[in-house]
Amino acid sequence: MSGPGARVRVREMTLADCDRVSLIRVRGWQTAYRGLMPQSHLDAMDPAADAGRRRTLFARAPEGTANLVAEDEAGEVVGWACHGPYRDGELRTADAELYALYVDAERFGAGVGRALLEESARRCESAGHARMLLWVLKGNARARRFYERAGFRPDGAEEPFEVEGVAVPEVRYVRALHD
């Protein structure tokens, strides 16, 4: 499966998906964040260690949190998204937040991210959320273009993020879910 016309199926993530999701997430960081944060941090990321953390987070996901995976036509997991109530510090708000969206780097441009994002937005709208927000690294031009094409706009909020003493600022994007 490749190219923009390829089909994916979005479904609920299971505990058995954690290893593959962790590999996609770690490789996603190593690909997308190259040059945006210290290479030593990216090189030290370990999919096996992340999988243990992912299993714990999955098992303890707060109410309203959804983990979705995208499968290709052969049933291989090729992407992951997680969404839930927007977090303002320790408070959960009435808005929704896309916490994470990662796609197997070999599947960029194949519609995997779009399918995951649209299913997350659909579910958040069905749950009664009026808006969906997300945070993206300020320097991640590819991701910012992706979200902008999907109707998200920066709202002016920035948040400091530091990795190994290097500032890696994030910007917040928002999209209305109701017309």
N, C-alpha and C. Protein backbone atom coordinates (compact mmCIF):
# COMPACT_ATOMS: atom_id res chain seq x y z
N MET A 1 0.84 -1.17 0.00
CA MET A 1 0.00 0.00 0.00
C MET A 1 0.88 1.23 0.00
N SER A 2 0.72 2.10 -0.97
CA SER A 2 1.46 3.35 -0.98
C SER A 2 0.70 4.35 -1.82
N GLY A 3 1.09 5.60 -1.68
CA GLY A 3 0.46 6.67 -2.45
C GLY A 3 -0.80 7.17 -1.78
N PRO A 4 -1.27 8.36 -2.21
CA PRO A 4 -2.40 9.01 -1.59
C PRO A 4 -3.72 8.26 -1.71
N GLY A 5 -3.87 7.35 -2.66
CA GLY A 5 -5.12 6.65 -2.83
C GLY A 5 -5.23 5.37 -2.03
N ALA A 6 -4.20 5.01 -1.29
CA ALA A 6 -4.20 3.75 -0.55
C ALA A 6 -5.24 3.79 0.57
N ARG A 7 -5.83 2.62 0.86
CA ARG A 7 -6.87 2.54 1.87
C ARG A 7 -6.29 2.12 3.21
N VAL A 8 -6.83 2.73 4.26
CA VAL A 8 -6.48 2.34 5.62
C VAL A 8 -7.78 2.14 6.39
N ARG A 9 -7.68 1.34 7.42
CA ARG A 9 -8.82 1.11 8.31
C ARG A 9 -8.41 1.62 9.68
N VAL A 10 -9.24 2.47 10.26
CA VAL A 10 -8.98 2.99 11.60
C VAL A 10 -9.82 2.19 12.58
N ARG A 11 -9.17 1.76 13.66
CA ARG A 11 -9.85 0.98 14.69
C ARG A 11 -9.30 1.36 16.06
N GLU A 12 -9.96 0.88 17.10
CA GLU A 12 -9.49 1.07 18.47
C GLU A 12 -8.17 0.32 18.64
N MET A 13 -7.25 0.93 19.33
CA MET A 13 -5.98 0.29 19.66
C MET A 13 -6.24 -0.78 20.72
N THR A 14 -5.43 -1.83 20.70
CA THR A 14 -5.47 -2.86 21.74
C THR A 14 -4.11 -2.93 22.41
N LEU A 15 -4.06 -3.59 23.52
CA LEU A 15 -2.79 -3.77 24.24
C LEU A 15 -1.76 -4.45 23.33
N ALA A 16 -2.21 -5.35 22.48
CA ALA A 16 -1.30 -6.06 21.58
C ALA A 16 -0.65 -5.14 20.55
N ASP A 17 -1.20 -3.94 20.34
CA ASP A 17 -0.65 -2.99 19.38
C ASP A 17 0.49 -2.15 19.95
N CYS A 18 0.71 -2.22 21.25
CA CYS A 18 1.66 -1.30 21.90
C CYS A 18 3.08 -1.37 21.33
N ASP A 19 3.59 -2.55 21.03
CA ASP A 19 4.95 -2.65 20.49
C ASP A 19 5.06 -1.92 19.15
N ARG A 20 4.11 -2.17 18.27
CA ARG A 20 4.14 -1.53 16.93
C ARG A 20 3.93 -0.02 17.06
N VAL A 21 3.01 0.40 17.91
CA VAL A 21 2.76 1.83 18.12
C VAL A 21 4.03 2.50 18.65
N SER A 22 4.72 1.86 19.58
CA SER A 22 5.95 2.44 20.12
C SER A 22 7.03 2.57 19.06
N LEU A 23 7.15 1.57 18.20
CA LEU A 23 8.12 1.66 17.12
C LEU A 23 7.78 2.83 16.19
N ILE A 24 6.51 2.97 15.84
CA ILE A 24 6.08 4.08 14.98
C ILE A 24 6.34 5.42 15.67
N ARG A 25 6.02 5.51 16.96
CA ARG A 25 6.21 6.76 17.71
C ARG A 25 7.69 7.14 17.79
N VAL A 26 8.53 6.19 18.18
CA VAL A 26 9.96 6.49 18.32
C VAL A 26 10.57 6.84 16.96
N ARG A 27 10.29 6.05 15.94
CA ARG A 27 10.81 6.37 14.60
C ARG A 27 10.25 7.70 14.10
N GLY A 28 9.02 8.00 14.48
CA GLY A 28 8.42 9.29 14.13
C GLY A 28 9.20 10.45 14.74
N TRP A 29 9.53 10.33 16.01
CA TRP A 29 10.34 11.36 16.66
C TRP A 29 11.68 11.48 15.96
N GLN A 30 12.32 10.34 15.71
CA GLN A 30 13.66 10.36 15.13
C GLN A 30 13.67 10.93 13.72
N THR A 31 12.56 10.79 13.01
CA THR A 31 12.46 11.34 11.65
C THR A 31 12.03 12.80 11.66
N ALA A 32 10.92 13.08 12.33
CA ALA A 32 10.32 14.42 12.28
C ALA A 32 11.11 15.46 13.06
N TYR A 33 11.77 15.05 14.12
CA TYR A 33 12.41 16.02 15.01
C TYR A 33 13.91 16.14 14.80
N ARG A 34 14.43 15.46 13.77
CA ARG A 34 15.86 15.58 13.44
C ARG A 34 16.16 17.05 13.13
N GLY A 35 17.14 17.60 13.81
CA GLY A 35 17.52 18.99 13.62
C GLY A 35 16.69 19.96 14.46
N LEU A 36 15.63 19.47 15.11
CA LEU A 36 14.80 20.33 15.94
C LEU A 36 15.10 20.17 17.42
N MET A 37 15.73 19.05 17.77
CA MET A 37 16.12 18.80 19.16
C MET A 37 17.44 18.02 19.15
N PRO A 38 18.09 17.93 20.29
CA PRO A 38 19.40 17.27 20.31
C PRO A 38 19.35 15.84 19.73
N GLN A 39 20.28 15.58 18.83
CA GLN A 39 20.35 14.26 18.20
C GLN A 39 20.62 13.18 19.23
N SER A 40 21.37 13.51 20.28
CA SER A 40 21.67 12.52 21.32
C SER A 40 20.38 12.02 21.99
N HIS A 41 19.43 12.90 22.16
CA HIS A 41 18.14 12.51 22.74
C HIS A 41 17.40 11.56 21.79
N LEU A 42 17.36 11.92 20.52
CA LEU A 42 16.67 11.10 19.53
C LEU A 42 17.33 9.73 19.40
N ASP A 43 18.66 9.71 19.38
CA ASP A 43 19.40 8.46 19.24
C ASP A 43 19.18 7.53 20.44
N ALA A 44 18.95 8.11 21.61
CA ALA A 44 18.79 7.32 22.83
C ALA A 44 17.38 6.74 22.97
N MET A 45 16.45 7.17 22.14
CA MET A 45 15.08 6.65 22.24
C MET A 45 15.05 5.18 21.86
N ASP A 46 14.35 4.40 22.68
CA ASP A 46 14.32 2.94 22.51
C ASP A 46 12.87 2.47 22.39
N PRO A 47 12.50 1.89 21.25
CA PRO A 47 11.12 1.41 21.08
C PRO A 47 10.69 0.40 22.15
N ALA A 48 11.58 -0.47 22.60
CA ALA A 48 11.22 -1.47 23.61
C ALA A 48 10.89 -0.80 24.94
N ALA A 49 11.69 0.17 25.34
CA ALA A 49 11.42 0.90 26.58
C ALA A 49 10.13 1.70 26.45
N ASP A 50 9.92 2.30 25.28
CA ASP A 50 8.70 3.07 25.05
C ASP A 50 7.47 2.15 25.10
N ALA A 51 7.60 0.93 24.63
CA ALA A 51 6.47 -0.01 24.62
C ALA A 51 5.99 -0.31 26.04
N GLY A 52 6.91 -0.46 26.97
CA GLY A 52 6.52 -0.67 28.36
C GLY A 52 5.74 0.52 28.90
N ARG A 53 6.22 1.69 28.62
CA ARG A 53 5.53 2.92 29.04
C ARG A 53 4.18 3.03 28.34
N ARG A 54 4.15 2.70 27.07
CA ARG A 54 2.91 2.78 26.29
C ARG A 54 1.85 1.85 26.86
N ARG A 55 2.26 0.61 27.25
CA ARG A 55 1.31 -0.34 27.84
C ARG A 55 0.72 0.22 29.14
N THR A 56 1.58 0.82 29.96
CA THR A 56 1.10 1.40 31.22
C THR A 56 0.14 2.55 30.95
N LEU A 57 0.50 3.44 30.04
CA LEU A 57 -0.38 4.56 29.72
C LEU A 57 -1.71 4.07 29.13
N PHE A 58 -1.65 3.07 28.28
CA PHE A 58 -2.86 2.53 27.66
C PHE A 58 -3.78 1.93 28.73
N ALA A 59 -3.22 1.17 29.65
CA ALA A 59 -4.01 0.52 30.69
C ALA A 59 -4.61 1.52 31.67
N ARG A 60 -3.94 2.66 31.84
CA ARG A 60 -4.40 3.66 32.82
C ARG A 60 -4.97 4.91 32.15
N ALA A 61 -5.37 4.81 30.90
CA ALA A 61 -5.89 5.98 30.18
C ALA A 61 -7.10 6.55 30.91
N PRO A 62 -7.10 7.86 31.14
CA PRO A 62 -8.24 8.48 31.81
C PRO A 62 -9.52 8.36 30.96
N GLU A 63 -10.64 8.44 31.63
CA GLU A 63 -11.92 8.38 30.93
C GLU A 63 -11.97 9.46 29.85
N GLY A 64 -12.49 9.09 28.71
CA GLY A 64 -12.60 10.03 27.59
C GLY A 64 -11.40 10.02 26.66
N THR A 65 -10.35 9.27 27.03
CA THR A 65 -9.17 9.18 26.18
C THR A 65 -9.37 8.03 25.20
N ALA A 66 -9.04 8.28 23.93
CA ALA A 66 -9.16 7.24 22.90
C ALA A 66 -7.83 7.06 22.19
N ASN A 67 -7.44 5.82 22.02
CA ASN A 67 -6.26 5.45 21.25
C ASN A 67 -6.76 4.74 20.00
N LEU A 68 -6.35 5.24 18.84
CA LEU A 68 -6.76 4.66 17.57
C LEU A 68 -5.53 4.24 16.78
N VAL A 69 -5.64 3.20 16.01
CA VAL A 69 -4.58 2.82 15.09
C VAL A 69 -5.16 2.73 13.68
N ALA A 70 -4.29 2.93 12.72
CA ALA A 70 -4.64 2.75 11.31
C ALA A 70 -3.91 1.51 10.83
N GLU A 71 -4.64 0.67 10.12
CA GLU A 71 -4.07 -0.53 9.52
C GLU A 71 -4.10 -0.40 8.01
N ASP A 72 -3.10 -0.98 7.36
CA ASP A 72 -3.11 -1.02 5.90
C ASP A 72 -3.96 -2.23 5.46
N GLU A 73 -4.02 -2.45 4.17
CA GLU A 73 -4.86 -3.53 3.64
C GLU A 73 -4.42 -4.91 4.09
N ALA A 74 -3.16 -5.05 4.49
CA ALA A 74 -2.65 -6.33 4.98
C ALA A 74 -2.84 -6.50 6.49
N GLY A 75 -3.40 -5.49 7.15
CA GLY A 75 -3.63 -5.55 8.59
C GLY A 75 -2.47 -5.08 9.44
N GLU A 76 -1.44 -4.51 8.81
CA GLU A 76 -0.30 -3.99 9.57
C GLU A 76 -0.63 -2.60 10.12
N VAL A 77 -0.33 -2.38 11.39
CA VAL A 77 -0.54 -1.07 12.00
C VAL A 77 0.49 -0.10 11.41
N VAL A 78 -0.01 0.99 10.82
CA VAL A 78 0.85 1.97 10.15
C VAL A 78 0.72 3.38 10.72
N GLY A 79 -0.11 3.54 11.75
CA GLY A 79 -0.26 4.86 12.36
C GLY A 79 -1.01 4.76 13.67
N TRP A 80 -0.87 5.81 14.48
CA TRP A 80 -1.49 5.85 15.82
C TRP A 80 -1.88 7.28 16.13
N ALA A 81 -3.04 7.42 16.76
CA ALA A 81 -3.49 8.73 17.24
C ALA A 81 -4.12 8.53 18.62
N CYS A 82 -4.00 9.55 19.44
CA CYS A 82 -4.59 9.54 20.77
C CYS A 82 -5.23 10.89 21.00
N HIS A 83 -6.47 10.88 21.50
CA HIS A 83 -7.16 12.13 21.79
C HIS A 83 -8.01 11.98 23.05
N GLY A 84 -8.41 13.13 23.58
CA GLY A 84 -9.26 13.13 24.77
C GLY A 84 -9.56 14.57 25.15
N PRO A 85 -10.00 14.78 26.38
CA PRO A 85 -10.29 16.14 26.83
C PRO A 85 -9.04 17.01 26.83
N TYR A 86 -9.21 18.29 26.49
CA TYR A 86 -8.07 19.21 26.49
C TYR A 86 -7.57 19.39 27.91
N ARG A 87 -6.24 19.37 28.05
CA ARG A 87 -5.61 19.52 29.36
C ARG A 87 -5.08 20.94 29.49
N ASP A 88 -5.58 21.63 30.47
CA ASP A 88 -5.07 22.96 30.80
C ASP A 88 -4.42 22.82 32.17
N GLY A 89 -3.13 22.49 32.16
CA GLY A 89 -2.46 22.13 33.41
C GLY A 89 -3.03 20.80 33.88
N GLU A 90 -3.53 20.76 35.09
CA GLU A 90 -4.14 19.54 35.63
C GLU A 90 -5.63 19.46 35.34
N LEU A 91 -6.21 20.55 34.81
CA LEU A 91 -7.65 20.59 34.55
C LEU A 91 -7.98 20.04 33.17
N ARG A 92 -9.08 19.34 33.09
CA ARG A 92 -9.63 18.90 31.80
C ARG A 92 -10.74 19.89 31.45
N THR A 93 -10.79 20.30 30.19
CA THR A 93 -11.77 21.30 29.77
C THR A 93 -12.82 20.66 28.86
N ALA A 94 -13.76 21.47 28.39
CA ALA A 94 -14.81 20.99 27.49
C ALA A 94 -14.30 20.78 26.07
N ASP A 95 -13.13 21.32 25.75
CA ASP A 95 -12.55 21.13 24.43
C ASP A 95 -11.88 19.76 24.34
N ALA A 96 -11.62 19.32 23.12
CA ALA A 96 -10.88 18.08 22.88
C ALA A 96 -9.45 18.42 22.54
N GLU A 97 -8.56 17.45 22.75
CA GLU A 97 -7.15 17.64 22.39
C GLU A 97 -6.65 16.40 21.65
N LEU A 98 -5.95 16.64 20.57
CA LEU A 98 -5.23 15.56 19.90
C LEU A 98 -3.89 15.48 20.61
N TYR A 99 -3.69 14.44 21.40
CA TYR A 99 -2.47 14.29 22.18
C TYR A 99 -1.31 13.83 21.33
N ALA A 100 -1.58 12.98 20.36
CA ALA A 100 -0.51 12.39 19.56
C ALA A 100 -1.07 11.92 18.23
N LEU A 101 -0.23 12.03 17.20
CA LEU A 101 -0.54 11.45 15.89
C LEU A 101 0.79 11.13 15.23
N TYR A 102 1.02 9.84 15.00
CA TYR A 102 2.26 9.40 14.38
C TYR A 102 1.94 8.40 13.27
N VAL A 103 2.71 8.49 12.20
CA VAL A 103 2.54 7.62 11.04
C VAL A 103 3.89 7.00 10.72
N ASP A 104 3.88 5.74 10.33
CA ASP A 104 5.08 5.07 9.85
C ASP A 104 5.68 5.95 8.75
N ALA A 105 6.95 6.31 8.90
CA ALA A 105 7.59 7.24 7.96
C ALA A 105 7.50 6.76 6.51
N GLU A 106 7.45 5.46 6.29
CA GLU A 106 7.32 4.93 4.93
C GLU A 106 5.93 5.17 4.34
N ARG A 107 4.99 5.63 5.18
CA ARG A 107 3.60 5.83 4.75
C ARG A 107 3.21 7.31 4.70
N PHE A 108 4.20 8.20 4.88
CA PHE A 108 3.88 9.63 4.78
C PHE A 108 3.25 9.89 3.41
N GLY A 109 2.21 10.70 3.39
CA GLY A 109 1.56 11.07 2.15
C GLY A 109 0.57 10.05 1.62
N ALA A 110 0.36 8.96 2.35
CA ALA A 110 -0.54 7.90 1.89
C ALA A 110 -1.95 8.02 2.47
N GLY A 111 -2.23 9.08 3.22
CA GLY A 111 -3.57 9.27 3.78
C GLY A 111 -3.77 8.69 5.16
N VAL A 112 -2.73 8.09 5.74
CA VAL A 112 -2.84 7.47 7.06
C VAL A 112 -3.12 8.53 8.13
N GLY A 113 -2.31 9.58 8.15
CA GLY A 113 -2.50 10.64 9.14
C GLY A 113 -3.85 11.31 8.99
N ARG A 114 -4.25 11.57 7.77
CA ARG A 114 -5.54 12.20 7.51
C ARG A 114 -6.68 11.33 8.03
N ALA A 115 -6.62 10.02 7.78
CA ALA A 115 -7.67 9.11 8.25
C ALA A 115 -7.75 9.10 9.78
N LEU A 116 -6.60 9.05 10.45
CA LEU A 116 -6.58 9.07 11.91
C LEU A 116 -7.10 10.40 12.45
N LEU A 117 -6.66 11.50 11.86
CA LEU A 117 -7.09 12.82 12.33
C LEU A 117 -8.59 13.00 12.15
N GLU A 118 -9.11 12.62 11.00
CA GLU A 118 -10.54 12.81 10.76
C GLU A 118 -11.39 11.92 11.65
N GLU A 119 -10.94 10.70 11.93
CA GLU A 119 -11.69 9.84 12.84
C GLU A 119 -11.64 10.38 14.26
N SER A 120 -10.48 10.89 14.68
CA SER A 120 -10.39 11.52 16.00
C SER A 120 -11.33 12.72 16.09
N ALA A 121 -11.32 13.57 15.08
CA ALA A 121 -12.19 14.75 15.08
C ALA A 121 -13.66 14.33 15.10
N ARG A 122 -14.01 13.32 14.31
CA ARG A 122 -15.40 12.85 14.27
C ARG A 122 -15.84 12.35 15.65
N ARG A 123 -14.99 11.59 16.30
CA ARG A 123 -15.33 11.07 17.62
C ARG A 123 -15.44 12.19 18.65
N CYS A 124 -14.55 13.17 18.56
CA CYS A 124 -14.60 14.28 19.51
C CYS A 124 -15.87 15.11 19.30
N GLU A 125 -16.23 15.33 18.06
CA GLU A 125 -17.47 16.06 17.77
C GLU A 125 -18.68 15.27 18.28
N SER A 126 -18.70 13.96 18.04
CA SER A 126 -19.80 13.11 18.52
C SER A 126 -19.90 13.13 20.04
N ALA A 127 -18.77 13.32 20.71
CA ALA A 127 -18.76 13.38 22.18
C ALA A 127 -19.19 14.75 22.70
N GLY A 128 -19.47 15.68 21.78
CA GLY A 128 -19.97 16.98 22.18
C GLY A 128 -18.94 18.09 22.31
N HIS A 129 -17.71 17.82 21.91
CA HIS A 129 -16.68 18.85 21.97
C HIS A 129 -16.87 19.83 20.80
N ALA A 130 -16.75 21.10 21.08
CA ALA A 130 -16.93 22.12 20.04
C ALA A 130 -15.63 22.40 19.28
N ARG A 131 -14.50 22.17 19.96
CA ARG A 131 -13.20 22.46 19.33
C ARG A 131 -12.23 21.35 19.64
N MET A 132 -11.24 21.23 18.74
CA MET A 132 -10.12 20.32 18.98
C MET A 132 -8.85 21.16 18.94
N LEU A 133 -8.00 20.97 19.93
CA LEU A 133 -6.73 21.67 20.01
C LEU A 133 -5.60 20.65 19.96
N LEU A 134 -4.42 21.11 19.61
CA LEU A 134 -3.24 20.27 19.61
C LEU A 134 -2.01 21.15 19.74
N TRP A 135 -0.92 20.54 20.17
CA TRP A 135 0.37 21.23 20.27
C TRP A 135 1.31 20.59 19.27
N VAL A 136 2.09 21.41 18.59
CA VAL A 136 3.05 20.92 17.60
C VAL A 136 4.34 21.72 17.76
N LEU A 137 5.48 21.05 17.53
CA LEU A 137 6.75 21.78 17.62
C LEU A 137 6.74 22.93 16.62
N LYS A 138 7.13 24.08 17.10
CA LYS A 138 7.13 25.29 16.27
C LYS A 138 7.94 25.09 14.98
N GLY A 139 9.04 24.39 15.07
CA GLY A 139 9.91 24.19 13.91
C GLY A 139 9.52 23.02 13.02
N ASN A 140 8.45 22.31 13.35
CA ASN A 140 8.04 21.15 12.57
C ASN A 140 7.13 21.59 11.42
N ALA A 141 7.74 22.12 10.37
CA ALA A 141 6.99 22.69 9.24
C ALA A 141 6.10 21.66 8.56
N ARG A 142 6.57 20.44 8.42
CA ARG A 142 5.76 19.41 7.75
C ARG A 142 4.46 19.16 8.51
N ALA A 143 4.55 18.98 9.82
CA ALA A 143 3.35 18.73 10.63
C ALA A 143 2.44 19.95 10.63
N ARG A 144 3.01 21.13 10.70
CA ARG A 144 2.18 22.34 10.71
C ARG A 144 1.40 22.47 9.41
N ARG A 145 2.04 22.18 8.28
CA ARG A 145 1.33 22.21 6.99
C ARG A 145 0.21 21.17 6.97
N PHE A 146 0.48 19.98 7.48
CA PHE A 146 -0.52 18.91 7.54
C PHE A 146 -1.75 19.38 8.32
N TYR A 147 -1.54 19.94 9.50
CA TYR A 147 -2.67 20.38 10.32
C TYR A 147 -3.40 21.56 9.68
N GLU A 148 -2.66 22.46 9.08
CA GLU A 148 -3.30 23.60 8.41
C GLU A 148 -4.16 23.14 7.24
N ARG A 149 -3.70 22.16 6.49
CA ARG A 149 -4.53 21.61 5.39
C ARG A 149 -5.79 20.94 5.93
N ALA A 150 -5.76 20.49 7.16
CA ALA A 150 -6.92 19.85 7.79
C ALA A 150 -7.82 20.85 8.52
N GLY A 151 -7.55 22.13 8.34
CA GLY A 151 -8.42 23.15 8.92
C GLY A 151 -8.02 23.69 10.28
N PHE A 152 -6.88 23.27 10.79
CA PHE A 152 -6.39 23.80 12.06
C PHE A 152 -5.65 25.12 11.82
N ARG A 153 -5.71 26.01 12.80
CA ARG A 153 -5.02 27.29 12.72
C ARG A 153 -4.32 27.56 14.04
N PRO A 154 -3.11 28.16 13.98
CA PRO A 154 -2.45 28.54 15.25
C PRO A 154 -3.28 29.61 15.93
N ASP A 155 -3.40 29.51 17.26
CA ASP A 155 -4.20 30.50 17.98
C ASP A 155 -3.34 31.49 18.76
N GLY A 156 -2.03 31.45 18.56
CA GLY A 156 -1.14 32.41 19.21
C GLY A 156 -0.50 31.92 20.50
N ALA A 157 -0.99 30.81 21.03
CA ALA A 157 -0.41 30.28 22.27
C ALA A 157 0.87 29.52 21.96
N GLU A 158 1.88 29.73 22.79
CA GLU A 158 3.14 29.00 22.70
C GLU A 158 3.47 28.44 24.06
N GLU A 159 4.16 27.32 24.06
CA GLU A 159 4.53 26.68 25.31
C GLU A 159 6.00 26.28 25.24
N PRO A 160 6.75 26.58 26.29
CA PRO A 160 8.15 26.16 26.28
C PRO A 160 8.24 24.65 26.44
N PHE A 161 9.19 24.08 25.78
CA PHE A 161 9.47 22.64 25.87
C PHE A 161 10.98 22.56 25.80
N GLU A 162 11.59 21.81 26.70
CA GLU A 162 13.04 21.75 26.73
C GLU A 162 13.50 20.29 26.68
N VAL A 163 14.48 20.05 25.84
CA VAL A 163 15.07 18.72 25.72
C VAL A 163 16.57 18.86 25.88
N GLU A 164 17.10 18.23 26.92
CA GLU A 164 18.54 18.28 27.20
C GLU A 164 19.07 19.72 27.19
N GLY A 165 18.33 20.62 27.79
CA GLY A 165 18.75 22.02 27.90
C GLY A 165 18.54 22.86 26.66
N VAL A 166 17.95 22.29 25.62
CA VAL A 166 17.69 23.02 24.38
C VAL A 166 16.21 23.37 24.29
N ALA A 167 15.91 24.64 24.06
CA ALA A 167 14.52 25.08 23.92
C ALA A 167 13.93 24.56 22.61
N VAL A 168 12.79 23.91 22.72
CA VAL A 168 12.07 23.37 21.56
C VAL A 168 10.61 23.81 21.74
N PRO A 169 10.30 25.05 21.38
CA PRO A 169 8.96 25.57 21.66
C PRO A 169 7.87 24.89 20.83
N GLU A 170 6.69 24.82 21.44
CA GLU A 170 5.50 24.28 20.78
C GLU A 170 4.51 25.41 20.56
N VAL A 171 3.71 25.28 19.52
CA VAL A 171 2.61 26.22 19.26
C VAL A 171 1.31 25.43 19.28
N ARG A 172 0.26 26.14 19.70
CA ARG A 172 -1.05 25.48 19.78
C ARG A 172 -1.88 25.80 18.54
N TYR A 173 -2.56 24.76 18.06
CA TYR A 173 -3.45 24.88 16.91
C TYR A 173 -4.87 24.54 17.38
N VAL A 174 -5.87 25.10 16.70
CA VAL A 174 -7.26 24.85 17.04
C VAL A 174 -8.11 24.70 15.78
N ARG A 175 -9.14 23.89 15.90
CA ARG A 175 -10.09 23.71 14.81
C ARG A 175 -11.49 23.54 15.41
N ALA A 176 -12.44 24.28 14.87
CA ALA A 176 -13.84 24.10 15.29
C ALA A 176 -14.32 22.76 14.76
N LEU A 177 -15.09 22.06 15.58
CA LEU A 177 -15.62 20.76 15.18
C LEU A 177 -17.06 20.86 14.70
N HIS A 178 -17.73 21.93 15.06
CA HIS A 178 -19.11 22.17 14.63
C HIS A 178 -19.13 23.34 13.67
N ASP A 179 -19.97 23.28 12.65
CA ASP A 179 -20.09 24.41 11.72
C ASP A 179 -20.95 25.51 12.30
